Amino acid sequence: MAEAIGLRGGATTLYAGLAMLLASAAMLALLLVPARRGSALI
């Protein structure tokens, strides 16, 4: 049981880290792209 919980915890932390990286990348893209293109996408 402990090993299964550990594996699940590792997977959830891994996916949470990937989700945070994707979210931060998306926010950076939303902030940088309109600034570079003169706010043409808004």
PDB file of N, CA and C in Angstrom:
ATOM      1  N   MET A   1       0.839  -1.204   0.000  1.00  0.00           N
ATOM      2  CA  MET A   1       0.000   0.000   0.000  1.00  0.00           C
ATOM      3  C   MET A   1       0.872   1.251   0.000  1.00  0.00           C
ATOM      4  N   ALA A   2       1.912   1.243   0.812  1.00  0.00           N
ATOM      5  CA  ALA A   2       2.762   2.426   0.919  1.00  0.00           C
ATOM      6  C   ALA A   2       3.439   2.729  -0.418  1.00  0.00           C
ATOM      7  N   GLU A   3       3.864   1.674  -1.109  1.00  0.00           N
ATOM      8  CA  GLU A   3       4.523   1.902  -2.397  1.00  0.00           C
ATOM      9  C   GLU A   3       3.547   2.489  -3.418  1.00  0.00           C
ATOM     10  N   ALA A   4       2.313   1.969  -3.423  1.00  0.00           N
ATOM     11  CA  ALA A   4       1.312   2.484  -4.364  1.00  0.00           C
ATOM     12  C   ALA A   4       1.020   3.953  -4.074  1.00  0.00           C
ATOM     13  N   ILE A   5       0.900   4.292  -2.790  1.00  0.00           N
ATOM     14  CA  ILE A   5       0.632   5.687  -2.424  1.00  0.00           C
ATOM     15  C   ILE A   5       1.819   6.565  -2.824  1.00  0.00           C
ATOM     16  N   GLY A   6       3.030   6.045  -2.622  1.00  0.00           N
ATOM     17  CA  GLY A   6       4.218   6.808  -2.995  1.00  0.00           C
ATOM     18  C   GLY A   6       4.272   7.052  -4.490  1.00  0.00           C
ATOM     19  N   LEU A   7       3.933   6.019  -5.271  1.00  0.00           N
ATOM     20  CA  LEU A   7       3.942   6.178  -6.726  1.00  0.00           C
ATOM     21  C   LEU A   7       2.876   7.174  -7.161  1.00  0.00           C
ATOM     22  N   ARG A   8       1.700   7.086  -6.545  1.00  0.00           N
ATOM     23  CA  ARG A   8       0.640   8.030  -6.896  1.00  0.00           C
ATOM     24  C   ARG A   8       1.055   9.450  -6.532  1.00  0.00           C
ATOM     25  N   GLY A   9       1.670   9.606  -5.359  1.00  0.00           N
ATOM     26  CA  GLY A   9       2.114  10.933  -4.935  1.00  0.00           C
ATOM     27  C   GLY A   9       3.155  11.491  -5.888  1.00  0.00           C
ATOM     28  N   GLY A  10       4.090  10.631  -6.314  1.00  0.00           N
ATOM     29  CA  GLY A  10       5.112  11.087  -7.249  1.00  0.00           C
ATOM     30  C   GLY A  10       4.502  11.497  -8.576  1.00  0.00           C
ATOM     31  N   ALA A  11       3.517  10.718  -9.044  1.00  0.00           N
ATOM     32  CA  ALA A  11       2.875  11.038 -10.319  1.00  0.00           C
ATOM     33  C   ALA A  11       2.105  12.343 -10.208  1.00  0.00           C
ATOM     34  N   THR A  12       1.390  12.529  -9.107  1.00  0.00           N
ATOM     35  CA  THR A  12       0.600  13.755  -8.957  1.00  0.00           C
ATOM     36  C   THR A  12       1.511  14.969  -8.867  1.00  0.00           C
ATOM     37  N   THR A  13       2.618  14.852  -8.136  1.00  0.00           N
ATOM     38  CA  THR A  13       3.537  15.985  -8.043  1.00  0.00           C
ATOM     39  C   THR A  13       4.172  16.257  -9.401  1.00  0.00           C
ATOM     40  N   LEU A  14       4.490  15.185 -10.145  1.00  0.00           N
ATOM     41  CA  LEU A  14       5.064  15.356 -11.480  1.00  0.00           C
ATOM     42  C   LEU A  14       4.080  16.070 -12.393  1.00  0.00           C
ATOM     43  N   TYR A  15       2.830  15.598 -12.407  1.00  0.00           N
ATOM     44  CA  TYR A  15       1.825  16.230 -13.269  1.00  0.00           C
ATOM     45  C   TYR A  15       1.538  17.656 -12.815  1.00  0.00           C
ATOM     46  N   ALA A  16       1.539  17.901 -11.505  1.00  0.00           N
ATOM     47  CA  ALA A  16       1.310  19.255 -11.002  1.00  0.00           C
ATOM     48  C   ALA A  16       2.434  20.181 -11.455  1.00  0.00           C
ATOM     49  N   GLY A  17       3.668  19.691 -11.409  1.00  0.00           N
ATOM     50  CA  GLY A  17       4.795  20.492 -11.874  1.00  0.00           C
ATOM     51  C   GLY A  17       4.685  20.795 -13.357  1.00  0.00           C
ATOM     52  N   LEU A  18       4.317  19.793 -14.154  1.00  0.00           N
ATOM     53  CA  LEU A  18       4.153  20.014 -15.595  1.00  0.00           C
ATOM     54  C   LEU A  18       3.020  20.991 -15.857  1.00  0.00           C
ATOM     55  N   ALA A  19       1.928  20.879 -15.118  1.00  0.00           N
ATOM     56  CA  ALA A  19       0.796  21.796 -15.296  1.00  0.00           C
ATOM     57  C   ALA A  19       1.209  23.224 -14.957  1.00  0.00           C
ATOM     58  N   MET A  20       1.993  23.386 -13.893  1.00  0.00           N
ATOM     59  CA  MET A  20       2.447  24.728 -13.518  1.00  0.00           C
ATOM     60  C   MET A  20       3.380  25.287 -14.579  1.00  0.00           C
ATOM     61  N   LEU A  21       4.256  24.444 -15.145  1.00  0.00           N
ATOM     62  CA  LEU A  21       5.146  24.905 -16.208  1.00  0.00           C
ATOM     63  C   LEU A  21       4.340  25.332 -17.427  1.00  0.00           C
ATOM     64  N   LEU A  22       3.339  24.546 -17.802  1.00  0.00           N
ATOM     65  CA  LEU A  22       2.510  24.901 -18.956  1.00  0.00           C
ATOM     66  C   LEU A  22       1.746  26.190 -18.687  1.00  0.00           C
ATOM     67  N   ALA A  23       1.216  26.347 -17.484  1.00  0.00           N
ATOM     68  CA  ALA A  23       0.463  27.557 -17.151  1.00  0.00           C
ATOM     69  C   ALA A  23       1.367  28.783 -17.184  1.00  0.00           C
ATOM     70  N   SER A  24       2.568  28.664 -16.621  1.00  0.00           N
ATOM     71  CA  SER A  24       3.490  29.801 -16.622  1.00  0.00           C
ATOM     72  C   SER A  24       3.922  30.143 -18.044  1.00  0.00           C
ATOM     73  N   ALA A  25       4.167  29.124 -18.871  1.00  0.00           N
ATOM     74  CA  ALA A  25       4.545  29.369 -20.264  1.00  0.00           C
ATOM     75  C   ALA A  25       3.408  30.054 -21.011  1.00  0.00           C
ATOM     76  N   ALA A  26       2.173  29.623 -20.767  1.00  0.00           N
ATOM     77  CA  ALA A  26       1.022  30.246 -21.431  1.00  0.00           C
ATOM     78  C   ALA A  26       0.873  31.699 -21.001  1.00  0.00           C
ATOM     79  N   MET A  27       1.050  31.975 -19.719  1.00  0.00           N
ATOM     80  CA  MET A  27       0.938  33.354 -19.240  1.00  0.00           C
ATOM     81  C   MET A  27       2.038  34.219 -19.829  1.00  0.00           C
ATOM     82  N   LEU A  28       3.264  33.691 -19.901  1.00  0.00           N
ATOM     83  CA  LEU A  28       4.357  34.454 -20.507  1.00  0.00           C
ATOM     84  C   LEU A  28       4.063  34.738 -21.971  1.00  0.00           C
ATOM     85  N   ALA A  29       3.532  33.749 -22.686  1.00  0.00           N
ATOM     86  CA  ALA A  29       3.204  33.944 -24.100  1.00  0.00           C
ATOM     87  C   ALA A  29       2.131  35.016 -24.246  1.00  0.00           C
ATOM     88  N   LEU A  30       1.096  34.970 -23.402  1.00  0.00           N
ATOM     89  CA  LEU A  30       0.024  35.966 -23.481  1.00  0.00           C
ATOM     90  C   LEU A  30       0.547  37.363 -23.165  1.00  0.00           C
ATOM     91  N   LEU A  31       1.540  37.446 -22.281  1.00  0.00           N
ATOM     92  CA  LEU A  31       2.079  38.763 -21.933  1.00  0.00           C
ATOM     93  C   LEU A  31       3.051  39.274 -22.985  1.00  0.00           C
ATOM     94  N   LEU A  32       3.884  38.385 -23.536  1.00  0.00           N
ATOM     95  CA  LEU A  32       4.952  38.835 -24.426  1.00  0.00           C
ATOM     96  C   LEU A  32       4.498  39.019 -25.863  1.00  0.00           C
ATOM     97  N   VAL A  33       3.675  38.100 -26.376  1.00  0.00           N
ATOM     98  CA  VAL A  33       3.303  38.155 -27.792  1.00  0.00           C
ATOM     99  C   VAL A  33       2.542  39.432 -28.144  1.00  0.00           C
ATOM    100  N   PRO A  34       1.499  39.835 -27.404  1.00  0.00           N
ATOM    101  CA  PRO A  34       0.816  41.085 -27.751  1.00  0.00           C
ATOM    102  C   PRO A  34       1.738  42.296 -27.629  1.00  0.00           C
ATOM    103  N   ALA A  35       2.659  42.288 -26.658  1.00  0.00           N
ATOM    104  CA  ALA A  35       3.573  43.413 -26.493  1.00  0.00           C
ATOM    105  C   ALA A  35       4.504  43.523 -27.696  1.00  0.00           C
ATOM    106  N   ARG A  36       4.930  42.383 -28.228  1.00  0.00           N
ATOM    107  CA  ARG A  36       5.827  42.411 -29.382  1.00  0.00           C
ATOM    108  C   ARG A  36       5.093  42.822 -30.650  1.00  0.00           C
ATOM    109  N   ARG A  37       3.829  42.399 -30.780  1.00  0.00           N
ATOM    110  CA  ARG A  37       3.098  42.661 -32.018  1.00  0.00           C
ATOM    111  C   ARG A  37       2.227  43.913 -31.924  1.00  0.00           C
ATOM    112  N   GLY A  38       2.428  44.728 -30.895  1.00  0.00           N
ATOM    113  CA  GLY A  38       1.666  45.958 -30.796  1.00  0.00           C
ATOM    114  C   GLY A  38       0.222  45.736 -30.394  1.00  0.00           C
ATOM    115  N   SER A  39      -0.045  44.728 -29.578  1.00  0.00           N
ATOM    116  CA  SER A  39      -1.395  44.444 -29.088  1.00  0.00           C
ATOM    117  C   SER A  39      -2.373  44.195 -30.229  1.00  0.00           C
ATOM    118  N   ALA A  40      -1.931  43.553 -31.287  1.00  0.00           N
ATOM    119  CA  ALA A  40      -2.802  43.302 -32.436  1.00  0.00           C
ATOM    120  C   ALA A  40      -3.699  42.088 -32.190  1.00  0.00           C
ATOM    121  N   LEU A  41      -3.324  41.205 -31.239  1.00  0.00           N
ATOM    122  CA  LEU A  41      -4.095  39.984 -31.022  1.00  0.00           C
ATOM    123  C   LEU A  41      -5.271  40.205 -30.085  1.00  0.00           C
ATOM    124  N   ILE A  42      -5.267  41.306 -29.345  1.00  0.00           N
ATOM    125  CA  ILE A  42      -6.336  41.531 -28.365  1.00  0.00           C
ATOM    126  C   ILE A  42      -7.613  41.984 -29.081  1.00  0.00           C
TER     127      ILE A  42
END
